[in-house]
Amino acid sequence: MHTFLITAFFLLVFNMLPNSLIYAANVGANVGLFIPKATGSATGRHFDSGDDLQRDYDADIDYSGLGFILEIKEKSKPFFIRSSLNYERCSYKYEKVQLTHNFKRLSLNGAACFYVLNRHFYTLWAGPQMRFALMYANGENNYIRKSEVYALGIGLAPSFGLDIKLSDKYFVGFQVGYRYTYYHGYMKEDHSVTRDIFIGDELVHASYFLDDDDGAFNSLENEFYVNLFFLFNLSQ
């Protein structure tokens, strides 16, 4: 299952990105790097196929990472297209238990940015952003001995941004928005509990294996995000 999810995401990226680069070379474009930061909440459900159970959860989420931007502008149109590919690290802090789950996320984003103000030294814009994402984890944390998660997500956000022109070649700016992303995929967890016990007069640090959960995973994330970016004009 996880092999299918990873393959589907990368097929999407490698089919869309070359077409965007070819088009950008013909009409002129800006490229650059950006730093994404997001915080919000998530609600979801994990189905345990072995025990025929489902577990609902609520969590606080926090993301940070690094990404690449491709921005395509045509003077004849009232908007421009901003595409980005980014890698992020995420923490899920669950509300009902003292548990933090660490994820990684790869995402492909596209925004239609309509001009609100377009001046010589700055541009103010607003528009919708769409996202395709792969969220995954394969490691340990403070309660789950080992966790394995692979999920594909699709998201939508209203976005607002400010681009500031430093020169004919260089731009800086930021983008903010509130994004909703739905993930569906696969989760496997091996549960264990660690505690200190006395054996005779000796204190021993012992671990107990409890259960093995294996089944579907889904999550709805609501997050406020800020992207800080630096752009370079290819046409100059």
C-alpha atoms as a PDB file:
ATOM      1  CA  MET A   1       0.000   0.000   0.000  1.00  0.00           C
ATOM      2  CA  HIS A   2       2.704   2.487   0.970  1.00  0.00           C
ATOM      3  CA  THR A   3       4.624   1.726  -2.253  1.00  0.00           C
ATOM      4  CA  PHE A   4       1.545   2.657  -4.286  1.00  0.00           C
ATOM      5  CA  LEU A   5       1.089   5.950  -2.391  1.00  0.00           C
ATOM      6  CA  ILE A   6       4.724   6.991  -2.822  1.00  0.00           C
ATOM      7  CA  THR A   7       4.707   6.048  -6.526  1.00  0.00           C
ATOM      8  CA  ALA A   8       1.465   7.965  -7.154  1.00  0.00           C
ATOM      9  CA  PHE A   9       2.841  11.140  -5.567  1.00  0.00           C
ATOM     10  CA  PHE A  10       6.112  11.125  -7.485  1.00  0.00           C
ATOM     11  CA  LEU A  11       4.376  10.337 -10.787  1.00  0.00           C
ATOM     12  CA  LEU A  12       2.257  13.435 -10.212  1.00  0.00           C
ATOM     13  CA  VAL A  13       5.327  15.591  -9.477  1.00  0.00           C
ATOM     14  CA  PHE A  14       7.431  14.347 -12.397  1.00  0.00           C
ATOM     15  CA  ASN A  15       4.558  14.735 -14.865  1.00  0.00           C
ATOM     16  CA  MET A  16       3.667  18.291 -13.849  1.00  0.00           C
ATOM     17  CA  LEU A  17       7.080  19.826 -13.153  1.00  0.00           C
ATOM     18  CA  PRO A  18       8.728  19.410 -16.593  1.00  0.00           C
ATOM     19  CA  ASN A  19       5.714  20.954 -18.348  1.00  0.00           C
ATOM     20  CA  SER A  20       5.850  23.942 -15.984  1.00  0.00           C
ATOM     21  CA  LEU A  21       9.581  24.430 -16.576  1.00  0.00           C
ATOM     22  CA  ILE A  22       9.188  24.316 -20.368  1.00  0.00           C
ATOM     23  CA  TYR A  23       6.342  26.829 -20.258  1.00  0.00           C
ATOM     24  CA  ALA A  24       8.299  29.086 -17.889  1.00  0.00           C
ATOM     25  CA  ALA A  25      11.283  29.136 -20.245  1.00  0.00           C
ATOM     26  CA  ASN A  26       9.046  30.458 -23.031  1.00  0.00           C
ATOM     27  CA  VAL A  27       7.208  33.219 -21.126  1.00  0.00           C
ATOM     28  CA  GLY A  28       9.749  34.218 -18.440  1.00  0.00           C
ATOM     29  CA  ALA A  29       9.642  33.314 -14.794  1.00  0.00           C
ATOM     30  CA  ASN A  30      10.977  33.768 -11.283  1.00  0.00           C
ATOM     31  CA  VAL A  31      12.526  30.926  -9.315  1.00  0.00           C
ATOM     32  CA  GLY A  32      13.664  30.765  -5.728  1.00  0.00           C
ATOM     33  CA  LEU A  33      13.586  29.225  -2.272  1.00  0.00           C
ATOM     34  CA  PHE A  34      11.140  29.634   0.570  1.00  0.00           C
ATOM     35  CA  ILE A  35      10.761  28.684   4.224  1.00  0.00           C
ATOM     36  CA  PRO A  36       7.297  27.311   5.132  1.00  0.00           C
ATOM     37  CA  LYS A  37       5.898  27.439   8.657  1.00  0.00           C
ATOM     38  CA  ALA A  38       2.446  26.195   9.700  1.00  0.00           C
ATOM     39  CA  THR A  39       0.514  25.627  12.902  1.00  0.00           C
ATOM     40  CA  GLY A  40      -3.004  24.366  13.541  1.00  0.00           C
ATOM     41  CA  SER A  41      -5.016  21.299  14.494  1.00  0.00           C
ATOM     42  CA  ALA A  42      -5.955  17.887  13.111  1.00  0.00           C
ATOM     43  CA  THR A  43      -8.817  15.459  13.638  1.00  0.00           C
ATOM     44  CA  GLY A  44      -8.663  11.929  12.364  1.00  0.00           C
ATOM     45  CA  ARG A  45      -9.328   8.239  12.676  1.00  0.00           C
ATOM     46  CA  HIS A  46      -7.191   5.094  12.670  1.00  0.00           C
ATOM     47  CA  PHE A  47      -8.840   1.760  11.840  1.00  0.00           C
ATOM     48  CA  ASP A  48      -7.256  -1.301  13.448  1.00  0.00           C
ATOM     49  CA  SER A  49      -8.082  -4.141  11.057  1.00  0.00           C
ATOM     50  CA  GLY A  50      -6.728  -6.828  13.406  1.00  0.00           C
ATOM     51  CA  ASP A  51      -8.977  -5.950  16.370  1.00  0.00           C
ATOM     52  CA  ASP A  52     -11.782  -4.456  14.229  1.00  0.00           C
ATOM     53  CA  LEU A  53     -11.564  -1.183  16.174  1.00  0.00           C
ATOM     54  CA  GLN A  54     -11.358   2.488  15.298  1.00  0.00           C
ATOM     55  CA  ARG A  55      -9.595   5.234  17.256  1.00  0.00           C
ATOM     56  CA  ASP A  56     -10.549   8.890  16.876  1.00  0.00           C
ATOM     57  CA  TYR A  57      -8.068  11.576  17.809  1.00  0.00           C
ATOM     58  CA  ASP A  58      -7.525  15.341  18.044  1.00  0.00           C
ATOM     59  CA  ALA A  59      -4.052  16.835  17.821  1.00  0.00           C
ATOM     60  CA  ASP A  60      -2.190  20.122  17.671  1.00  0.00           C
ATOM     61  CA  ILE A  61       0.132  20.262  14.661  1.00  0.00           C
ATOM     62  CA  ASP A  62       3.263  22.220  13.831  1.00  0.00           C
ATOM     63  CA  TYR A  63       5.173  22.207  10.518  1.00  0.00           C
ATOM     64  CA  SER A  64       8.443  23.731   9.283  1.00  0.00           C
ATOM     65  CA  GLY A  65      10.671  23.036   6.295  1.00  0.00           C
ATOM     66  CA  LEU A  66      12.227  24.261   3.042  1.00  0.00           C
ATOM     67  CA  GLY A  67      10.899  24.542  -0.509  1.00  0.00           C
ATOM     68  CA  PHE A  68      11.468  25.542  -4.149  1.00  0.00           C
ATOM     69  CA  ILE A  69       9.277  28.091  -5.988  1.00  0.00           C
ATOM     70  CA  LEU A  70       8.541  28.516  -9.687  1.00  0.00           C
ATOM     71  CA  GLU A  71       6.558  31.665 -10.513  1.00  0.00           C
ATOM     72  CA  ILE A  72       5.165  32.264 -14.036  1.00  0.00           C
ATOM     73  CA  LYS A  73       3.976  35.766 -15.023  1.00  0.00           C
ATOM     74  CA  GLU A  74       2.403  36.903 -18.287  1.00  0.00           C
ATOM     75  CA  LYS A  75       1.808  40.650 -18.674  1.00  0.00           C
ATOM     76  CA  SER A  76      -1.470  40.131 -20.558  1.00  0.00           C
ATOM     77  CA  LYS A  77      -3.158  38.243 -17.680  1.00  0.00           C
ATOM     78  CA  PRO A  78      -4.673  39.631 -14.442  1.00  0.00           C
ATOM     79  CA  PHE A  79      -2.984  36.895 -12.398  1.00  0.00           C
ATOM     80  CA  PHE A  80       0.202  34.837 -12.206  1.00  0.00           C
ATOM     81  CA  ILE A  81       0.843  31.201 -11.284  1.00  0.00           C
ATOM     82  CA  ARG A  82       3.026  30.232  -8.342  1.00  0.00           C
ATOM     83  CA  SER A  83       4.041  26.567  -8.000  1.00  0.00           C
ATOM     84  CA  SER A  84       6.130  25.134  -5.181  1.00  0.00           C
ATOM     85  CA  LEU A  85       7.621  21.834  -4.090  1.00  0.00           C
ATOM     86  CA  ASN A  86       8.568  21.561  -0.442  1.00  0.00           C
ATOM     87  CA  TYR A  87       9.748  19.227   2.302  1.00  0.00           C
ATOM     88  CA  GLU A  88       8.451  19.687   5.851  1.00  0.00           C
ATOM     89  CA  ARG A  89       8.736  18.088   9.282  1.00  0.00           C
ATOM     90  CA  CYS A  90       5.635  17.894  11.436  1.00  0.00           C
ATOM     91  CA  SER A  91       4.728  17.062  15.018  1.00  0.00           C
ATOM     92  CA  TYR A  92       1.278  15.804  16.069  1.00  0.00           C
ATOM     93  CA  LYS A  93       0.684  16.476  19.791  1.00  0.00           C
ATOM     94  CA  TYR A  94      -2.374  14.449  20.751  1.00  0.00           C
ATOM     95  CA  GLU A  95      -4.783  16.024  23.241  1.00  0.00           C
ATOM     96  CA  LYS A  96      -6.143  12.895  24.986  1.00  0.00           C
ATOM     97  CA  VAL A  97      -2.777  11.248  25.713  1.00  0.00           C
ATOM     98  CA  GLN A  98       0.747  12.481  26.391  1.00  0.00           C
ATOM     99  CA  LEU A  99       1.974  11.541  22.944  1.00  0.00           C
ATOM    100  CA  THR A 100       3.857  13.308  20.165  1.00  0.00           C
ATOM    101  CA  HIS A 101       3.958  11.726  16.711  1.00  0.00           C
ATOM    102  CA  ASN A 102       6.567  12.952  14.207  1.00  0.00           C
ATOM    103  CA  PHE A 103       5.804  13.012  10.470  1.00  0.00           C
ATOM    104  CA  LYS A 104       7.529  14.160   7.301  1.00  0.00           C
ATOM    105  CA  ARG A 105       5.683  15.718   4.378  1.00  0.00           C
ATOM    106  CA  LEU A 106       6.407  16.318   0.686  1.00  0.00           C
ATOM    107  CA  SER A 107       3.956  18.607  -1.088  1.00  0.00           C
ATOM    108  CA  LEU A 108       3.311  20.071  -4.521  1.00  0.00           C
ATOM    109  CA  ASN A 109       1.393  23.359  -4.408  1.00  0.00           C
ATOM    110  CA  GLY A 110      -0.127  25.606  -7.045  1.00  0.00           C
ATOM    111  CA  ALA A 111      -1.696  29.044  -6.545  1.00  0.00           C
ATOM    112  CA  ALA A 112      -3.527  31.386  -8.920  1.00  0.00           C
ATOM    113  CA  CYS A 113      -2.417  34.816  -7.661  1.00  0.00           C
ATOM    114  CA  PHE A 114      -4.724  37.675  -8.729  1.00  0.00           C
ATOM    115  CA  TYR A 115      -3.291  41.191  -8.591  1.00  0.00           C
ATOM    116  CA  VAL A 116      -4.789  43.428  -5.897  1.00  0.00           C
ATOM    117  CA  LEU A 117      -2.101  46.129  -6.214  1.00  0.00           C
ATOM    118  CA  ASN A 118       0.669  45.923  -8.812  1.00  0.00           C
ATOM    119  CA  ARG A 119       3.189  48.715  -8.381  1.00  0.00           C
ATOM    120  CA  HIS A 120       6.744  49.088  -9.610  1.00  0.00           C
ATOM    121  CA  PHE A 121       8.384  48.115  -6.312  1.00  0.00           C
ATOM    122  CA  TYR A 122       5.782  45.767  -4.835  1.00  0.00           C
ATOM    123  CA  THR A 123       2.846  43.488  -5.716  1.00  0.00           C
ATOM    124  CA  LEU A 124      -0.056  42.618  -3.434  1.00  0.00           C
ATOM    125  CA  TRP A 125      -2.104  39.594  -4.510  1.00  0.00           C
ATOM    126  CA  ALA A 126      -4.783  37.127  -3.387  1.00  0.00           C
ATOM    127  CA  GLY A 127      -6.054  33.814  -4.732  1.00  0.00           C
ATOM    128  CA  PRO A 128      -6.714  30.100  -4.165  1.00  0.00           C
ATOM    129  CA  GLN A 129      -3.975  27.555  -3.545  1.00  0.00           C
ATOM    130  CA  MET A 130      -4.273  23.811  -4.171  1.00  0.00           C
ATOM    131  CA  ARG A 131      -2.003  21.164  -2.664  1.00  0.00           C
ATOM    132  CA  PHE A 132      -1.101  17.502  -3.248  1.00  0.00           C
ATOM    133  CA  ALA A 133       0.941  15.974  -0.434  1.00  0.00           C
ATOM    134  CA  LEU A 134       2.577  12.783   0.755  1.00  0.00           C
ATOM    135  CA  MET A 135       2.830  12.395   4.544  1.00  0.00           C
ATOM    136  CA  TYR A 136       4.949   9.608   5.971  1.00  0.00           C
ATOM    137  CA  ALA A 137       6.665   8.391   9.152  1.00  0.00           C
ATOM    138  CA  ASN A 138       8.834   5.454  10.060  1.00  0.00           C
ATOM    139  CA  GLY A 139      10.384   5.721  13.504  1.00  0.00           C
ATOM    140  CA  GLU A 140       9.939   5.847  17.258  1.00  0.00           C
ATOM    141  CA  ASN A 141       8.415   8.252  19.761  1.00  0.00           C
ATOM    142  CA  ASN A 142       7.702   8.413  23.480  1.00  0.00           C
ATOM    143  CA  TYR A 143       4.889   5.805  23.575  1.00  0.00           C
ATOM    144  CA  ILE A 144       4.602   3.966  20.260  1.00  0.00           C
ATOM    145  CA  ARG A 145       7.630   1.696  20.002  1.00  0.00           C
ATOM    146  CA  LYS A 146       7.549   1.815  16.217  1.00  0.00           C
ATOM    147  CA  SER A 147       5.200   3.568  13.812  1.00  0.00           C
ATOM    148  CA  GLU A 148       4.831   3.429  10.050  1.00  0.00           C
ATOM    149  CA  VAL A 149       2.512   5.867   8.226  1.00  0.00           C
ATOM    150  CA  TYR A 150       1.990   6.641   4.539  1.00  0.00           C
ATOM    151  CA  ALA A 151      -0.862   8.911   3.419  1.00  0.00           C
ATOM    152  CA  LEU A 152      -1.766  11.015   0.383  1.00  0.00           C
ATOM    153  CA  GLY A 153      -3.436  14.371   0.904  1.00  0.00           C
ATOM    154  CA  ILE A 154      -5.287  17.014  -1.076  1.00  0.00           C
ATOM    155  CA  GLY A 155      -5.711  20.534   0.254  1.00  0.00           C
ATOM    156  CA  LEU A 156      -7.207  23.929  -0.542  1.00  0.00           C
ATOM    157  CA  ALA A 157      -6.435  27.355   0.913  1.00  0.00           C
ATOM    158  CA  PRO A 158      -7.217  31.033   0.428  1.00  0.00           C
ATOM    159  CA  SER A 159      -3.821  32.720   0.040  1.00  0.00           C
ATOM    160  CA  PHE A 160      -2.526  36.283   0.254  1.00  0.00           C
ATOM    161  CA  GLY A 161       0.936  37.544  -0.557  1.00  0.00           C
ATOM    162  CA  LEU A 162       3.257  40.514  -0.866  1.00  0.00           C
ATOM    163  CA  ASP A 163       6.203  40.528  -3.327  1.00  0.00           C
ATOM    164  CA  ILE A 164       8.827  43.251  -2.845  1.00  0.00           C
ATOM    165  CA  LYS A 165      11.182  44.144  -5.693  1.00  0.00           C
ATOM    166  CA  LEU A 166      14.782  44.660  -4.569  1.00  0.00           C
ATOM    167  CA  SER A 167      16.114  45.068  -8.124  1.00  0.00           C
ATOM    168  CA  ASP A 168      15.272  43.905 -11.642  1.00  0.00           C
ATOM    169  CA  LYS A 169      16.613  40.469 -10.726  1.00  0.00           C
ATOM    170  CA  TYR A 170      15.770  39.893  -7.059  1.00  0.00           C
ATOM    171  CA  PHE A 171      12.541  39.777  -5.050  1.00  0.00           C
ATOM    172  CA  VAL A 172      11.620  38.928  -1.462  1.00  0.00           C
ATOM    173  CA  GLY A 173       8.213  38.527   0.141  1.00  0.00           C
ATOM    174  CA  PHE A 174       5.804  36.407   2.100  1.00  0.00           C
ATOM    175  CA  GLN A 175       2.631  34.413   1.594  1.00  0.00           C
ATOM    176  CA  VAL A 176      -0.008  33.634   4.233  1.00  0.00           C
ATOM    177  CA  GLY A 177      -3.184  31.546   4.213  1.00  0.00           C
ATOM    178  CA  TYR A 178      -5.443  29.112   6.021  1.00  0.00           C
ATOM    179  CA  ARG A 179      -5.316  25.618   4.545  1.00  0.00           C
ATOM    180  CA  TYR A 180      -7.570  22.548   4.817  1.00  0.00           C
ATOM    181  CA  THR A 181      -5.907  19.251   3.862  1.00  0.00           C
ATOM    182  CA  TYR A 182      -7.469  15.785   3.925  1.00  0.00           C
ATOM    183  CA  TYR A 183      -5.150  12.744   4.165  1.00  0.00           C
ATOM    184  CA  HIS A 184      -5.972   9.105   3.628  1.00  0.00           C
ATOM    185  CA  GLY A 185      -3.547   6.211   3.840  1.00  0.00           C
ATOM    186  CA  TYR A 186      -2.069   3.425   5.930  1.00  0.00           C
ATOM    187  CA  MET A 187      -0.784   3.235   9.515  1.00  0.00           C
ATOM    188  CA  LYS A 188       0.941   0.465  11.429  1.00  0.00           C
ATOM    189  CA  GLU A 189       1.842   0.809  15.112  1.00  0.00           C
ATOM    190  CA  ASP A 190       3.592  -1.509  17.561  1.00  0.00           C
ATOM    191  CA  HIS A 191       2.538  -0.475  21.072  1.00  0.00           C
ATOM    192  CA  SER A 192       4.689  -0.877  24.147  1.00  0.00           C
ATOM    193  CA  VAL A 193       4.760   0.563  27.651  1.00  0.00           C
ATOM    194  CA  THR A 194       7.959   1.320  29.543  1.00  0.00           C
ATOM    195  CA  ARG A 195       8.006   1.558  33.329  1.00  0.00           C
ATOM    196  CA  ASP A 196      10.263   1.084  36.358  1.00  0.00           C
ATOM    197  CA  ILE A 197       9.551  -2.013  38.478  1.00  0.00           C
ATOM    198  CA  PHE A 198      11.234  -3.660  41.479  1.00  0.00           C
ATOM    199  CA  ILE A 199      12.567  -7.209  41.152  1.00  0.00           C
ATOM    200  CA  GLY A 200      13.509  -8.044  44.714  1.00  0.00           C
ATOM    201  CA  ASP A 201      15.450  -5.002  45.903  1.00  0.00           C
ATOM    202  CA  GLU A 202      16.584  -3.984  42.422  1.00  0.00           C
ATOM    203  CA  LEU A 203      14.852  -1.282  40.343  1.00  0.00           C
ATOM    204  CA  VAL A 204      14.573  -2.410  36.709  1.00  0.00           C
ATOM    205  CA  HIS A 205      13.600  -0.386  33.612  1.00  0.00           C
ATOM    206  CA  ALA A 206      11.214  -2.762  31.765  1.00  0.00           C
ATOM    207  CA  SER A 207       9.262  -2.594  28.481  1.00  0.00           C
ATOM    208  CA  TYR A 208       6.041  -4.498  27.793  1.00  0.00           C
ATOM    209  CA  PHE A 209       4.737  -5.192  24.287  1.00  0.00           C
ATOM    210  CA  LEU A 210       0.961  -4.665  24.187  1.00  0.00           C
ATOM    211  CA  ASP A 211      -0.487  -4.716  20.689  1.00  0.00           C
ATOM    212  CA  ASP A 212       0.113  -4.385  16.962  1.00  0.00           C
ATOM    213  CA  ASP A 213      -2.264  -2.041  15.094  1.00  0.00           C
ATOM    214  CA  ASP A 214      -2.518  -2.207  11.319  1.00  0.00           C
ATOM    215  CA  GLY A 215      -5.118  -0.437   9.194  1.00  0.00           C
ATOM    216  CA  ALA A 216      -6.408   2.658   7.395  1.00  0.00           C
ATOM    217  CA  PHE A 217      -5.518   6.156   8.546  1.00  0.00           C
ATOM    218  CA  ASN A 218      -7.215   9.468   7.750  1.00  0.00           C
ATOM    219  CA  SER A 219      -6.741  13.006   8.970  1.00  0.00           C
ATOM    220  CA  LEU A 220      -8.207  16.469   8.330  1.00  0.00           C
ATOM    221  CA  GLU A 221      -5.729  19.261   9.012  1.00  0.00           C
ATOM    222  CA  ASN A 222      -6.622  22.927   9.517  1.00  0.00           C
ATOM    223  CA  GLU A 223      -3.522  25.091   9.532  1.00  0.00           C
ATOM    224  CA  PHE A 224      -2.471  28.716   9.339  1.00  0.00           C
ATOM    225  CA  TYR A 225       0.711  29.018   7.318  1.00  0.00           C
ATOM    226  CA  VAL A 226       3.366  31.619   6.490  1.00  0.00           C
ATOM    227  CA  ASN A 227       5.925  31.261   3.687  1.00  0.00           C
ATOM    228  CA  LEU A 228       8.970  33.543   3.514  1.00  0.00           C
ATOM    229  CA  PHE A 229      10.660  33.506   0.097  1.00  0.00           C
ATOM    230  CA  PHE A 230      13.497  34.823  -2.033  1.00  0.00           C
ATOM    231  CA  LEU A 231      13.088  34.941  -5.853  1.00  0.00           C
ATOM    232  CA  PHE A 232      15.414  35.355  -8.823  1.00  0.00           C
ATOM    233  CA  ASN A 233      14.150  36.675 -12.198  1.00  0.00           C
ATOM    234  CA  LEU A 234      15.162  34.307 -15.022  1.00  0.00           C
ATOM    235  CA  SER A 235      14.288  36.715 -17.833  1.00  0.00           C
ATOM    236  CA  GLN A 236      16.750  39.437 -16.774  1.00  0.00           C
END
